[in-house]
C-alpha atoms as a PDB file:
ATOM      1  CA  UNK A   1       9.047 -12.521  -9.958  1.00  0.00           C
ATOM      2  CA  UNK A   2       4.974 -12.497  -9.271  1.00  0.00           C
ATOM      3  CA  UNK A   3       3.656  -8.539 -10.060  1.00  0.00           C
ATOM      4  CA  UNK A   4       1.199  -7.607  -7.576  1.00  0.00           C
ATOM      5  CA  UNK A   5      -1.852  -5.422  -7.834  1.00  0.00           C
ATOM      6  CA  UNK A   6      -2.601  -2.663  -6.466  1.00  0.00           C
ATOM      7  CA  UNK A   7      -6.421  -0.990  -6.552  1.00  0.00           C
ATOM      8  CA  UNK A   8      -8.109   1.384  -4.176  1.00  0.00           C
ATOM      9  CA  UNK A   9     -11.030   1.802  -0.806  1.00  0.00           C
ATOM     10  CA  UNK A  10     -12.501   4.961  -0.926  1.00  0.00           C
ATOM     11  CA  UNK A  11     -14.566   5.035   1.724  1.00  0.00           C
ATOM     12  CA  UNK A  12     -17.282   7.432   4.056  1.00  0.00           C
ATOM     13  CA  UNK A  13     -16.588   7.390   7.378  1.00  0.00           C
ATOM     14  CA  UNK A  14     -18.696   6.510  10.338  1.00  0.00           C
ATOM     15  CA  UNK A  15     -21.874   8.795   8.898  1.00  0.00           C
ATOM     16  CA  UNK A  16     -22.723  10.272   5.830  1.00  0.00           C
ATOM     17  CA  UNK A  17     -20.779  13.605   6.167  1.00  0.00           C
ATOM     18  CA  UNK A  18     -17.387  12.005   6.487  1.00  0.00           C
ATOM     19  CA  UNK A  19     -14.515  13.001   4.340  1.00  0.00           C
ATOM     20  CA  UNK A  20     -13.193   9.825   1.956  1.00  0.00           C
ATOM     21  CA  UNK A  21     -11.164   7.062   3.824  1.00  0.00           C
ATOM     22  CA  UNK A  22      -8.543   5.218   0.704  1.00  0.00           C
ATOM     23  CA  UNK A  23      -7.233   2.202   1.612  1.00  0.00           C
ATOM     24  CA  UNK A  24      -4.363   0.670  -0.684  1.00  0.00           C
ATOM     25  CA  UNK A  25      -5.111  -2.886  -0.874  1.00  0.00           C
ATOM     26  CA  UNK A  26      -2.468  -5.473  -2.774  1.00  0.00           C
ATOM     27  CA  UNK A  27      -4.168  -8.236  -4.854  1.00  0.00           C
ATOM     28  CA  UNK A  28      -7.288  -7.231  -3.345  1.00  0.00           C
ATOM     29  CA  UNK A  29      -6.502  -7.070   0.995  1.00  0.00           C
ATOM     30  CA  UNK A  30      -6.146  -4.201   2.400  1.00  0.00           C
ATOM     31  CA  UNK A  31      -3.234  -2.515   3.250  1.00  0.00           C
ATOM     32  CA  UNK A  32      -4.639  -1.698   6.197  1.00  0.00           C
ATOM     33  CA  UNK A  33      -4.917  -5.898   7.371  1.00  0.00           C
ATOM     34  CA  UNK A  34      -1.686  -7.773   5.957  1.00  0.00           C
ATOM     35  CA  UNK A  35       0.085  -4.409   8.036  1.00  0.00           C
ATOM     36  CA  UNK A  36      -1.937  -5.533  11.538  1.00  0.00           C
ATOM     37  CA  UNK A  37      -1.318  -9.290  10.601  1.00  0.00           C
ATOM     38  CA  UNK A  38       2.575  -8.747  10.480  1.00  0.00           C
ATOM     39  CA  UNK A  39       2.906  -6.954  13.303  1.00  0.00           C
ATOM     40  CA  UNK A  40       1.075  -9.354  15.328  1.00  0.00           C
ATOM     41  CA  UNK A  41       2.751 -12.057  14.001  1.00  0.00           C
ATOM     42  CA  UNK A  42       5.962 -10.394  15.553  1.00  0.00           C
ATOM     43  CA  UNK A  43       4.840  -8.874  18.394  1.00  0.00           C
ATOM     44  CA  UNK A  44       4.481  -5.428  17.845  1.00  0.00           C
ATOM     45  CA  UNK A  45       2.114  -3.385  20.698  1.00  0.00           C
ATOM     46  CA  UNK A  46       0.577  -1.515  19.172  1.00  0.00           C
ATOM     47  CA  UNK A  47      -0.271  -2.864  15.818  1.00  0.00           C
ATOM     48  CA  UNK A  48      -1.746  -2.814  13.740  1.00  0.00           C
ATOM     49  CA  UNK A  49      -3.920   0.175  14.345  1.00  0.00           C
ATOM     50  CA  UNK A  50      -4.124   2.278  11.340  1.00  0.00           C
ATOM     51  CA  UNK A  51      -6.347   3.600   8.710  1.00  0.00           C
ATOM     52  CA  UNK A  52      -6.421   4.502   5.177  1.00  0.00           C
ATOM     53  CA  UNK A  53      -5.257   8.536   4.020  1.00  0.00           C
ATOM     54  CA  UNK A  54      -7.408  11.006   4.666  1.00  0.00           C
ATOM     55  CA  UNK A  55      -6.769  13.290   2.368  1.00  0.00           C
ATOM     56  CA  UNK A  56      -9.360  15.945   3.250  1.00  0.00           C
ATOM     57  CA  UNK A  57      -7.748  16.175   6.527  1.00  0.00           C
ATOM     58  CA  UNK A  58      -3.918  16.283   4.968  1.00  0.00           C
ATOM     59  CA  UNK A  59      -2.038  18.074   2.205  1.00  0.00           C
ATOM     60  CA  UNK A  60      -1.078  15.746   0.110  1.00  0.00           C
ATOM     61  CA  UNK A  61      -0.634  17.665  -3.220  1.00  0.00           C
ATOM     62  CA  UNK A  62      -2.301  15.441  -6.009  1.00  0.00           C
ATOM     63  CA  UNK A  63      -2.140  12.797  -5.994  1.00  0.00           C
ATOM     64  CA  UNK A  64      -0.858  10.817  -9.346  1.00  0.00           C
ATOM     65  CA  UNK A  65       2.640  13.110  -8.125  1.00  0.00           C
ATOM     66  CA  UNK A  66       2.346  11.271  -4.341  1.00  0.00           C
ATOM     67  CA  UNK A  67       2.138   8.073  -5.095  1.00  0.00           C
ATOM     68  CA  UNK A  68       4.702   7.875  -7.287  1.00  0.00           C
ATOM     69  CA  UNK A  69       6.408   9.845  -5.167  1.00  0.00           C
ATOM     70  CA  UNK A  70       7.365  12.778  -6.320  1.00  0.00           C
ATOM     71  CA  UNK A  71       5.179  15.320  -5.333  1.00  0.00           C
ATOM     72  CA  UNK A  72       6.528  18.649  -4.476  1.00  0.00           C
ATOM     73  CA  UNK A  73       6.302  18.574  -1.026  1.00  0.00           C
ATOM     74  CA  UNK A  74       6.305  14.794  -0.674  1.00  0.00           C
ATOM     75  CA  UNK A  75       5.938  13.743   2.915  1.00  0.00           C
ATOM     76  CA  UNK A  76       7.305  11.544   4.954  1.00  0.00           C
ATOM     77  CA  UNK A  77      10.643  12.614   2.473  1.00  0.00           C
ATOM     78  CA  UNK A  78      10.512  12.353  -1.197  1.00  0.00           C
ATOM     79  CA  UNK A  79      11.109   8.727  -2.877  1.00  0.00           C
ATOM     80  CA  UNK A  80       8.467   7.910   0.752  1.00  0.00           C
ATOM     81  CA  UNK A  81       4.740   7.722   1.176  1.00  0.00           C
ATOM     82  CA  UNK A  82       2.441   7.658   4.108  1.00  0.00           C
ATOM     83  CA  UNK A  83       0.219   4.705   3.030  1.00  0.00           C
ATOM     84  CA  UNK A  84      -1.784   4.727   5.935  1.00  0.00           C
ATOM     85  CA  UNK A  85      -2.072   6.715   8.099  1.00  0.00           C
ATOM     86  CA  UNK A  86      -3.278   6.852  12.763  1.00  0.00           C
ATOM     87  CA  UNK A  87      -7.011   4.843  12.947  1.00  0.00           C
ATOM     88  CA  UNK A  88      -8.207   7.954  14.763  1.00  0.00           C
ATOM     89  CA  UNK A  89      -7.653   8.985  11.454  1.00  0.00           C
ATOM     90  CA  UNK A  90      -4.404  11.695  11.680  1.00  0.00           C
ATOM     91  CA  UNK A  91      -1.704  10.916   9.161  1.00  0.00           C
ATOM     92  CA  UNK A  92       1.125  12.293  11.325  1.00  0.00           C
ATOM     93  CA  UNK A  93      -0.129  10.257  14.564  1.00  0.00           C
ATOM     94  CA  UNK A  94       0.841   6.794  13.475  1.00  0.00           C
ATOM     95  CA  UNK A  95       2.062   6.651   9.962  1.00  0.00           C
ATOM     96  CA  UNK A  96       2.679   3.714   8.050  1.00  0.00           C
ATOM     97  CA  UNK A  97       5.962   4.577   5.109  1.00  0.00           C
ATOM     98  CA  UNK A  98       7.284   3.125   2.691  1.00  0.00           C
ATOM     99  CA  UNK A  99      10.261   3.683   0.014  1.00  0.00           C
ATOM    100  CA  UNK A 100       8.370   3.745  -4.096  1.00  0.00           C
ATOM    101  CA  UNK A 101      10.839   3.209  -6.223  1.00  0.00           C
ATOM    102  CA  UNK A 102       9.939   3.316 -10.316  1.00  0.00           C
ATOM    103  CA  UNK A 103      11.432   1.855 -12.611  1.00  0.00           C
ATOM    104  CA  UNK A 104      10.192   2.269 -16.162  1.00  0.00           C
ATOM    105  CA  UNK A 105       7.806  -0.689 -16.056  1.00  0.00           C
ATOM    106  CA  UNK A 106       6.985  -1.246 -12.308  1.00  0.00           C
ATOM    107  CA  UNK A 107       6.940   1.300  -8.692  1.00  0.00           C
ATOM    108  CA  UNK A 108       7.453  -0.841  -5.946  1.00  0.00           C
ATOM    109  CA  UNK A 109       6.437  -0.507  -2.940  1.00  0.00           C
ATOM    110  CA  UNK A 110       9.122  -1.696  -0.265  1.00  0.00           C
ATOM    111  CA  UNK A 111      11.287  -0.640   2.809  1.00  0.00           C
ATOM    112  CA  UNK A 112       7.556  -0.188   5.557  1.00  0.00           C
ATOM    113  CA  UNK A 113       8.452   1.504   8.574  1.00  0.00           C
ATOM    114  CA  UNK A 114       6.634   2.767  11.357  1.00  0.00           C
ATOM    115  CA  UNK A 115       8.013   6.701  11.869  1.00  0.00           C
ATOM    116  CA  UNK A 116       7.247   6.464  15.811  1.00  0.00           C
ATOM    117  CA  UNK A 117       9.399   2.583  16.260  1.00  0.00           C
ATOM    118  CA  UNK A 118      11.691   3.070  14.138  1.00  0.00           C
ATOM    119  CA  UNK A 119      13.668  -0.350  16.339  1.00  0.00           C
ATOM    120  CA  UNK A 120      10.913  -1.861  14.815  1.00  0.00           C
ATOM    121  CA  UNK A 121      11.594  -4.997  11.488  1.00  0.00           C
ATOM    122  CA  UNK A 122       9.832  -4.587   8.863  1.00  0.00           C
ATOM    123  CA  UNK A 123      12.339  -7.015   7.157  1.00  0.00           C
ATOM    124  CA  UNK A 124       9.783 -10.041   5.123  1.00  0.00           C
ATOM    125  CA  UNK A 125       7.426  -7.751   4.794  1.00  0.00           C
ATOM    126  CA  UNK A 126       6.937  -6.471   0.914  1.00  0.00           C
ATOM    127  CA  UNK A 127       8.301  -4.983  -1.469  1.00  0.00           C
ATOM    128  CA  UNK A 128       5.166  -4.460  -3.528  1.00  0.00           C
ATOM    129  CA  UNK A 129       5.958  -4.647  -6.973  1.00  0.00           C
ATOM    130  CA  UNK A 130       3.173  -3.252  -9.211  1.00  0.00           C
ATOM    131  CA  UNK A 131       3.132  -3.069 -13.470  1.00  0.00           C
ATOM    132  CA  UNK A 132       3.693   0.376 -13.972  1.00  0.00           C
ATOM    133  CA  UNK A 133       0.869   1.070 -15.932  1.00  0.00           C
ATOM    134  CA  UNK A 134      -1.631  -0.534 -13.359  1.00  0.00           C
ATOM    135  CA  UNK A 135      -0.559   1.077 -10.856  1.00  0.00           C
ATOM    136  CA  UNK A 136      -0.258   4.384 -12.809  1.00  0.00           C
ATOM    137  CA  UNK A 137      -4.494   3.108 -14.313  1.00  0.00           C
ATOM    138  CA  UNK A 138      -4.836   2.591 -10.249  1.00  0.00           C
ATOM    139  CA  UNK A 139      -3.982   5.791  -9.551  1.00  0.00           C
ATOM    140  CA  UNK A 140      -5.665   7.460 -11.994  1.00  0.00           C
ATOM    141  CA  UNK A 141      -8.877   5.855  -9.993  1.00  0.00           C
ATOM    142  CA  UNK A 142      -8.304   6.921  -7.442  1.00  0.00           C
ATOM    143  CA  UNK A 143      -7.986  10.591  -8.979  1.00  0.00           C
ATOM    144  CA  UNK A 144     -11.232  10.672 -10.345  1.00  0.00           C
ATOM    145  CA  UNK A 145     -13.176   9.296  -7.942  1.00  0.00           C
ATOM    146  CA  UNK A 146     -12.140  11.562  -5.158  1.00  0.00           C
ATOM    147  CA  UNK A 147     -13.334  14.268  -7.474  1.00  0.00           C
END
């Protein structure tokens, strides 16, 4: 099975004093763009109204634990992640959720869902399988970039 590569884009919002927005990139492509295309092709409405996470607006805990699904107060629940939030900046307004599966050598994002549209079927989106060392390096880079 071909493995994916995780990186993150960390960008300010629309002006210089805005907090950082964290967007996962899968094989160099924004998760926002990937999920928007998927939802549009399936006729979901509204489709793709996501943005990256804004850690300054929500306490995700330690991101190094959060992205492994192991933070003590994991959102939205243990072994699951909010990977994207609403384009308004509030993660809980329109979150994209995925299950994270940790194995010795891999990290997998699967079982994608839109929490407010449980009837939407995300079969065929992912799973995304990352080499665990590469994944953890990407998360460490993110943590250092936000420090």
